[in-house]
């Protein structure tokens, strides 16, 4: 899986590419977890931009949902 990152104001936006399935979900989770220290002082957390993803499976959708729940 490939990622691009960009900064908008105080939010870090991660854009995964390729397929986000069960095998890639853990990699996505690690990539988003690495943004937590950068976003800790920000007023908004990290964001995910999915247009480059070819396919998003259930395991891939679970990652941002659990992350949002944990952050809340």
PDB file of N, CA and C in Angstrom:
ATOM      1  N   UNK A   1       0.849  -1.167   0.000  1.00  0.00           N
ATOM      2  CA  UNK A   1       0.000   0.000   0.000  1.00  0.00           C
ATOM      3  C   UNK A   1       0.897   1.233   0.000  1.00  0.00           C
ATOM      4  N   UNK A   2       0.500   2.222  -0.747  1.00  0.00           N
ATOM      5  CA  UNK A   2       1.234   3.476  -0.830  1.00  0.00           C
ATOM      6  C   UNK A   2       0.393   4.581  -0.200  1.00  0.00           C
ATOM      7  N   UNK A   3       1.076   5.562   0.396  1.00  0.00           N
ATOM      8  CA  UNK A   3       0.403   6.690   1.028  1.00  0.00           C
ATOM      9  C   UNK A   3       1.022   7.991   0.538  1.00  0.00           C
ATOM     10  N   UNK A   4       0.199   8.973   0.459  1.00  0.00           N
ATOM     11  CA  UNK A   4       0.716  10.327   0.326  1.00  0.00           C
ATOM     12  C   UNK A   4       0.175  11.094   1.530  1.00  0.00           C
ATOM     13  N   UNK A   5       0.898  12.095   1.939  1.00  0.00           N
ATOM     14  CA  UNK A   5       0.478  12.913   3.079  1.00  0.00           C
ATOM     15  C   UNK A   5       0.558  14.372   2.696  1.00  0.00           C
ATOM     16  N   UNK A   6      -0.352  15.135   3.219  1.00  0.00           N
ATOM     17  CA  UNK A   6      -0.299  16.587   3.028  1.00  0.00           C
ATOM     18  C   UNK A   6      -0.883  17.252   4.259  1.00  0.00           C
ATOM     19  N   UNK A   7      -0.553  18.490   4.416  1.00  0.00           N
ATOM     20  CA  UNK A   7      -0.973  19.268   5.575  1.00  0.00           C
ATOM     21  C   UNK A   7      -1.949  20.344   5.127  1.00  0.00           C
ATOM     22  N   UNK A   8      -3.084  20.439   5.787  1.00  0.00           N
ATOM     23  CA  UNK A   8      -4.049  21.517   5.574  1.00  0.00           C
ATOM     24  C   UNK A   8      -4.300  22.158   6.934  1.00  0.00           C
ATOM     25  N   UNK A   9      -3.848  23.377   7.076  1.00  0.00           N
ATOM     26  CA  UNK A   9      -3.936  24.073   8.363  1.00  0.00           C
ATOM     27  C   UNK A   9      -3.258  23.197   9.407  1.00  0.00           C
ATOM     28  N   UNK A  10      -3.982  22.762  10.440  1.00  0.00           N
ATOM     29  CA  UNK A  10      -3.348  21.920  11.452  1.00  0.00           C
ATOM     30  C   UNK A  10      -3.737  20.443  11.324  1.00  0.00           C
ATOM     31  N   UNK A  11      -4.342  20.050  10.219  1.00  0.00           N
ATOM     32  CA  UNK A  11      -4.734  18.655  10.002  1.00  0.00           C
ATOM     33  C   UNK A  11      -3.782  17.980   9.018  1.00  0.00           C
ATOM     34  N   UNK A  12      -3.376  16.769   9.359  1.00  0.00           N
ATOM     35  CA  UNK A  12      -2.572  15.954   8.463  1.00  0.00           C
ATOM     36  C   UNK A  12      -3.530  15.039   7.704  1.00  0.00           C
ATOM     37  N   UNK A  13      -3.424  15.039   6.378  1.00  0.00           N
ATOM     38  CA  UNK A  13      -4.299  14.211   5.549  1.00  0.00           C
ATOM     39  C   UNK A  13      -3.455  13.093   4.941  1.00  0.00           C
ATOM     40  N   UNK A  14      -3.850  11.847   5.216  1.00  0.00           N
ATOM     41  CA  UNK A  14      -3.196  10.675   4.639  1.00  0.00           C
ATOM     42  C   UNK A  14      -4.091  10.148   3.536  1.00  0.00           C
ATOM     43  N   UNK A  15      -3.516   9.883   2.374  1.00  0.00           N
ATOM     44  CA  UNK A  15      -4.278   9.376   1.230  1.00  0.00           C
ATOM     45  C   UNK A  15      -3.714   8.021   0.821  1.00  0.00           C
ATOM     46  N   UNK A  16      -4.363   6.933   1.242  1.00  0.00           N
ATOM     47  CA  UNK A  16      -3.888   5.614   0.833  1.00  0.00           C
ATOM     48  C   UNK A  16      -4.268   5.319  -0.611  1.00  0.00           C
ATOM     49  N   UNK A  17      -3.423   4.551  -1.268  1.00  0.00           N
ATOM     50  CA  UNK A  17      -3.704   4.110  -2.634  1.00  0.00           C
ATOM     51  C   UNK A  17      -3.698   2.590  -2.648  1.00  0.00           C
ATOM     52  N   UNK A  18      -4.128   2.028  -3.715  1.00  0.00           N
ATOM     53  CA  UNK A  18      -4.205   0.581  -3.895  1.00  0.00           C
ATOM     54  C   UNK A  18      -5.437   0.018  -3.190  1.00  0.00           C
ATOM     55  N   UNK A  19      -5.363  -1.222  -2.864  1.00  0.00           N
ATOM     56  CA  UNK A  19      -6.487  -1.937  -2.264  1.00  0.00           C
ATOM     57  C   UNK A  19      -6.361  -1.932  -0.733  1.00  0.00           C
ATOM     58  N   UNK A  20      -7.427  -1.618  -0.053  1.00  0.00           N
ATOM     59  CA  UNK A  20      -7.424  -1.624   1.408  1.00  0.00           C
ATOM     60  C   UNK A  20      -8.317  -2.770   1.859  1.00  0.00           C
ATOM     61  N   UNK A  21      -7.695  -3.908   2.045  1.00  0.00           N
ATOM     62  CA  UNK A  21      -8.420  -5.109   2.443  1.00  0.00           C
ATOM     63  C   UNK A  21      -7.879  -5.593   3.789  1.00  0.00           C
ATOM     64  N   UNK A  22      -8.199  -6.818   4.138  1.00  0.00           N
ATOM     65  CA  UNK A  22      -7.772  -7.358   5.427  1.00  0.00           C
ATOM     66  C   UNK A  22      -6.247  -7.305   5.575  1.00  0.00           C
ATOM     67  N   UNK A  23      -5.538  -7.657   4.520  1.00  0.00           N
ATOM     68  CA  UNK A  23      -4.076  -7.678   4.568  1.00  0.00           C
ATOM     69  C   UNK A  23      -3.479  -6.282   4.741  1.00  0.00           C
ATOM     70  N   UNK A  24      -4.104  -5.267   4.200  1.00  0.00           N
ATOM     71  CA  UNK A  24      -3.575  -3.901   4.249  1.00  0.00           C
ATOM     72  C   UNK A  24      -4.113  -3.097   5.430  1.00  0.00           C
ATOM     73  N   UNK A  25      -5.118  -3.596   6.118  1.00  0.00           N
ATOM     74  CA  UNK A  25      -5.745  -2.840   7.208  1.00  0.00           C
ATOM     75  C   UNK A  25      -4.760  -2.535   8.323  1.00  0.00           C
ATOM     76  N   UNK A  26      -3.914  -3.502   8.670  1.00  0.00           N
ATOM     77  CA  UNK A  26      -2.938  -3.279   9.744  1.00  0.00           C
ATOM     78  C   UNK A  26      -1.931  -2.207   9.357  1.00  0.00           C
ATOM     79  N   UNK A  27      -1.521  -2.212   8.101  1.00  0.00           N
ATOM     80  CA  UNK A  27      -0.595  -1.181   7.616  1.00  0.00           C
ATOM     81  C   UNK A  27      -1.249   0.197   7.674  1.00  0.00           C
ATOM     82  N   UNK A  28      -2.519   0.272   7.299  1.00  0.00           N
ATOM     83  CA  UNK A  28      -3.252   1.538   7.380  1.00  0.00           C
ATOM     84  C   UNK A  28      -3.344   2.001   8.827  1.00  0.00           C
ATOM     85  N   UNK A  29      -3.618   1.075   9.728  1.00  0.00           N
ATOM     86  CA  UNK A  29      -3.710   1.423  11.148  1.00  0.00           C
ATOM     87  C   UNK A  29      -2.382   1.965  11.672  1.00  0.00           C
ATOM     88  N   UNK A  30      -1.276   1.347  11.310  1.00  0.00           N
ATOM     89  CA  UNK A  30       0.045   1.830  11.739  1.00  0.00           C
ATOM     90  C   UNK A  30       0.338   3.213  11.155  1.00  0.00           C
ATOM     91  N   UNK A  31      -0.028   3.414   9.890  1.00  0.00           N
ATOM     92  CA  UNK A  31       0.222   4.707   9.244  1.00  0.00           C
ATOM     93  C   UNK A  31      -0.553   5.825   9.926  1.00  0.00           C
ATOM     94  N   UNK A  32      -1.779   5.539  10.317  1.00  0.00           N
ATOM     95  CA  UNK A  32      -2.582   6.554  11.002  1.00  0.00           C
ATOM     96  C   UNK A  32      -2.097   6.759  12.427  1.00  0.00           C
ATOM     97  N   UNK A  33      -1.664   5.686  13.087  1.00  0.00           N
ATOM     98  CA  UNK A  33      -1.152   5.805  14.454  1.00  0.00           C
ATOM     99  C   UNK A  33       0.109   6.664  14.483  1.00  0.00           C
ATOM    100  N   UNK A  34       0.907   6.602  13.426  1.00  0.00           N
ATOM    101  CA  UNK A  34       2.126   7.411  13.385  1.00  0.00           C
ATOM    102  C   UNK A  34       1.813   8.899  13.295  1.00  0.00           C
ATOM    103  N   UNK A  35       0.602   9.246  12.895  1.00  0.00           N
ATOM    104  CA  UNK A  35       0.201  10.652  12.813  1.00  0.00           C
ATOM    105  C   UNK A  35      -0.282  11.190  14.149  1.00  0.00           C
ATOM    106  N   UNK A  36      -0.587  10.340  15.091  1.00  0.00           N
ATOM    107  CA  UNK A  36      -1.152  10.778  16.369  1.00  0.00           C
ATOM    108  C   UNK A  36      -0.282  11.808  17.078  1.00  0.00           C
ATOM    109  N   UNK A  37       1.048  11.607  17.188  1.00  0.00           N
ATOM    110  CA  UNK A  37       1.859  12.642  17.846  1.00  0.00           C
ATOM    111  C   UNK A  37       1.820  13.972  17.110  1.00  0.00           C
ATOM    112  N   UNK A  38       1.766  13.937  15.780  1.00  0.00           N
ATOM    113  CA  UNK A  38       1.712  15.171  14.999  1.00  0.00           C
ATOM    114  C   UNK A  38       0.387  15.889  15.214  1.00  0.00           C
ATOM    115  N   UNK A  39      -0.666  15.129  15.438  1.00  0.00           N
ATOM    116  CA  UNK A  39      -1.992  15.711  15.546  1.00  0.00           C
ATOM    117  C   UNK A  39      -2.404  15.994  16.980  1.00  0.00           C
ATOM    118  N   UNK A  40      -1.594  15.551  17.947  1.00  0.00           N
ATOM    119  CA  UNK A  40      -1.979  15.694  19.352  1.00  0.00           C
ATOM    120  C   UNK A  40      -2.177  17.156  19.742  1.00  0.00           C
ATOM    121  N   UNK A  41      -1.337  18.042  19.228  1.00  0.00           N
ATOM    122  CA  UNK A  41      -1.449  19.453  19.569  1.00  0.00           C
ATOM    123  C   UNK A  41      -2.416  20.193  18.653  1.00  0.00           C
ATOM    124  N   UNK A  42      -2.867  19.534  17.620  1.00  0.00           N
ATOM    125  CA  UNK A  42      -3.756  20.169  16.646  1.00  0.00           C
ATOM    126  C   UNK A  42      -5.184  20.201  17.181  1.00  0.00           C
ATOM    127  N   UNK A  43      -5.962  21.099  16.644  1.00  0.00           N
ATOM    128  CA  UNK A  43      -7.376  21.164  17.041  1.00  0.00           C
ATOM    129  C   UNK A  43      -8.199  20.124  16.306  1.00  0.00           C
ATOM    130  N   UNK A  44      -7.657  19.573  15.228  1.00  0.00           N
ATOM    131  CA  UNK A  44      -8.334  18.492  14.513  1.00  0.00           C
ATOM    132  C   UNK A  44      -7.366  17.329  14.360  1.00  0.00           C
ATOM    133  N   UNK A  45      -7.897  16.127  14.315  1.00  0.00           N
ATOM    134  CA  UNK A  45      -7.066  14.935  14.190  1.00  0.00           C
ATOM    135  C   UNK A  45      -6.685  14.671  12.755  1.00  0.00           C
ATOM    136  N   UNK A  46      -6.016  13.554  12.534  1.00  0.00           N
ATOM    137  CA  UNK A  46      -5.650  13.212  11.160  1.00  0.00           C
ATOM    138  C   UNK A  46      -6.884  12.913  10.324  1.00  0.00           C
ATOM    139  N   UNK A  47      -6.770  13.130   9.047  1.00  0.00           N
ATOM    140  CA  UNK A  47      -7.873  12.848   8.121  1.00  0.00           C
ATOM    141  C   UNK A  47      -7.410  11.816   7.107  1.00  0.00           C
ATOM    142  N   UNK A  48      -8.370  11.081   6.555  1.00  0.00           N
ATOM    143  CA  UNK A  48      -8.065  10.079   5.542  1.00  0.00           C
ATOM    144  C   UNK A  48      -8.812  10.460   4.274  1.00  0.00           C
ATOM    145  N   UNK A  49      -8.096  10.430   3.165  1.00  0.00           N
ATOM    146  CA  UNK A  49      -8.665  10.748   1.859  1.00  0.00           C
ATOM    147  C   UNK A  49      -8.592   9.474   1.011  1.00  0.00           C
ATOM    148  N   UNK A  50      -9.744   8.886   0.674  1.00  0.00           N
ATOM    149  CA  UNK A  50      -9.782   7.580   0.025  1.00  0.00           C
ATOM    150  C   UNK A  50      -9.912   7.554  -1.502  1.00  0.00           C
ATOM    151  N   UNK A  51      -9.927   8.644  -2.245  1.00  0.00           N
ATOM    152  CA  UNK A  51     -10.152   8.543  -3.688  1.00  0.00           C
ATOM    153  C   UNK A  51      -9.155   7.671  -4.435  1.00  0.00           C
ATOM    154  N   UNK A  52      -7.925   7.524  -3.935  1.00  0.00           N
ATOM    155  CA  UNK A  52      -6.930   6.711  -4.618  1.00  0.00           C
ATOM    156  C   UNK A  52      -7.039   5.228  -4.334  1.00  0.00           C
ATOM    157  N   UNK A  53      -7.922   4.859  -3.419  1.00  0.00           N
ATOM    158  CA  UNK A  53      -8.074   3.449  -3.068  1.00  0.00           C
ATOM    159  C   UNK A  53      -8.892   2.739  -4.138  1.00  0.00           C
ATOM    160  N   UNK A  54      -8.355   1.624  -4.625  1.00  0.00           N
ATOM    161  CA  UNK A  54      -9.060   0.842  -5.649  1.00  0.00           C
ATOM    162  C   UNK A  54     -10.286   0.152  -5.068  1.00  0.00           C
ATOM    163  N   UNK A  55     -10.131  -0.333  -3.867  1.00  0.00           N
ATOM    164  CA  UNK A  55     -11.204  -1.077  -3.198  1.00  0.00           C
ATOM    165  C   UNK A  55     -11.000  -0.953  -1.692  1.00  0.00           C
ATOM    166  N   UNK A  56     -12.091  -0.839  -0.963  1.00  0.00           N
ATOM    167  CA  UNK A  56     -12.006  -0.777   0.498  1.00  0.00           C
ATOM    168  C   UNK A  56     -12.872  -1.892   1.051  1.00  0.00           C
ATOM    169  N   UNK A  57     -12.242  -2.850   1.708  1.00  0.00           N
ATOM    170  CA  UNK A  57     -12.966  -3.960   2.308  1.00  0.00           C
ATOM    171  C   UNK A  57     -13.435  -3.616   3.717  1.00  0.00           C
ATOM    172  N   UNK A  58     -14.147  -4.537   4.335  1.00  0.00           N
ATOM    173  CA  UNK A  58     -14.666  -4.310   5.689  1.00  0.00           C
ATOM    174  C   UNK A  58     -13.555  -4.018   6.687  1.00  0.00           C
ATOM    175  N   UNK A  59     -12.460  -4.754   6.594  1.00  0.00           N
ATOM    176  CA  UNK A  59     -11.346  -4.539   7.521  1.00  0.00           C
ATOM    177  C   UNK A  59     -10.740  -3.153   7.325  1.00  0.00           C
ATOM    178  N   UNK A  60     -10.697  -2.680   6.088  1.00  0.00           N
ATOM    179  CA  UNK A  60     -10.174  -1.344   5.814  1.00  0.00           C
ATOM    180  C   UNK A  60     -11.076  -0.253   6.358  1.00  0.00           C
ATOM    181  N   UNK A  61     -12.375  -0.461   6.301  1.00  0.00           N
ATOM    182  CA  UNK A  61     -13.320   0.519   6.850  1.00  0.00           C
ATOM    183  C   UNK A  61     -13.301   0.543   8.376  1.00  0.00           C
ATOM    184  N   UNK A  62     -12.955  -0.572   8.965  1.00  0.00           N
ATOM    185  CA  UNK A  62     -12.917  -0.686  10.421  1.00  0.00           C
ATOM    186  C   UNK A  62     -11.874   0.262  11.027  1.00  0.00           C
ATOM    187  N   UNK A  63     -10.752   0.442  10.343  1.00  0.00           N
ATOM    188  CA  UNK A  63      -9.644   1.232  10.888  1.00  0.00           C
ATOM    189  C   UNK A  63     -10.049   2.671  11.231  1.00  0.00           C
ATOM    190  N   UNK A  64     -10.610   3.451  10.300  1.00  0.00           N
ATOM    191  CA  UNK A  64     -10.985   4.824  10.687  1.00  0.00           C
ATOM    192  C   UNK A  64     -12.163   4.859  11.673  1.00  0.00           C
ATOM    193  N   UNK A  65     -13.039   3.885  11.616  1.00  0.00           N
ATOM    194  CA  UNK A  65     -14.172   3.865  12.546  1.00  0.00           C
ATOM    195  C   UNK A  65     -13.671   3.651  13.972  1.00  0.00           C
ATOM    196  N   UNK A  66     -12.793   2.662  14.155  1.00  0.00           N
ATOM    197  CA  UNK A  66     -12.223   2.401  15.483  1.00  0.00           C
ATOM    198  C   UNK A  66     -11.376   3.585  15.936  1.00  0.00           C
ATOM    199  N   UNK A  67     -10.623   4.166  15.016  1.00  0.00           N
ATOM    200  CA  UNK A  67      -9.795   5.337  15.361  1.00  0.00           C
ATOM    201  C   UNK A  67     -10.634   6.515  15.820  1.00  0.00           C
ATOM    202  N   UNK A  68     -11.749   6.746  15.166  1.00  0.00           N
ATOM    203  CA  UNK A  68     -12.642   7.836  15.565  1.00  0.00           C
ATOM    204  C   UNK A  68     -13.274   7.550  16.923  1.00  0.00           C
ATOM    205  N   UNK A  69     -13.614   6.297  17.169  1.00  0.00           N
ATOM    206  CA  UNK A  69     -14.200   5.902  18.447  1.00  0.00           C
ATOM    207  C   UNK A  69     -13.188   6.089  19.575  1.00  0.00           C
ATOM    208  N   UNK A  70     -11.929   5.663  19.337  1.00  0.00           N
ATOM    209  CA  UNK A  70     -10.890   5.788  20.348  1.00  0.00           C
ATOM    210  C   UNK A  70     -10.557   7.250  20.635  1.00  0.00           C
ATOM    211  N   UNK A  71     -10.632   8.098  19.617  1.00  0.00           N
ATOM    212  CA  UNK A  71     -10.303   9.511  19.784  1.00  0.00           C
ATOM    213  C   UNK A  71     -11.405  10.287  20.488  1.00  0.00           C
ATOM    214  N   UNK A  72     -12.628   9.758  20.434  1.00  0.00           N
ATOM    215  CA  UNK A  72     -13.772  10.477  20.957  1.00  0.00           C
ATOM    216  C   UNK A  72     -13.901  10.352  22.400  1.00  0.00           C
TER     217      UNK A  72
END
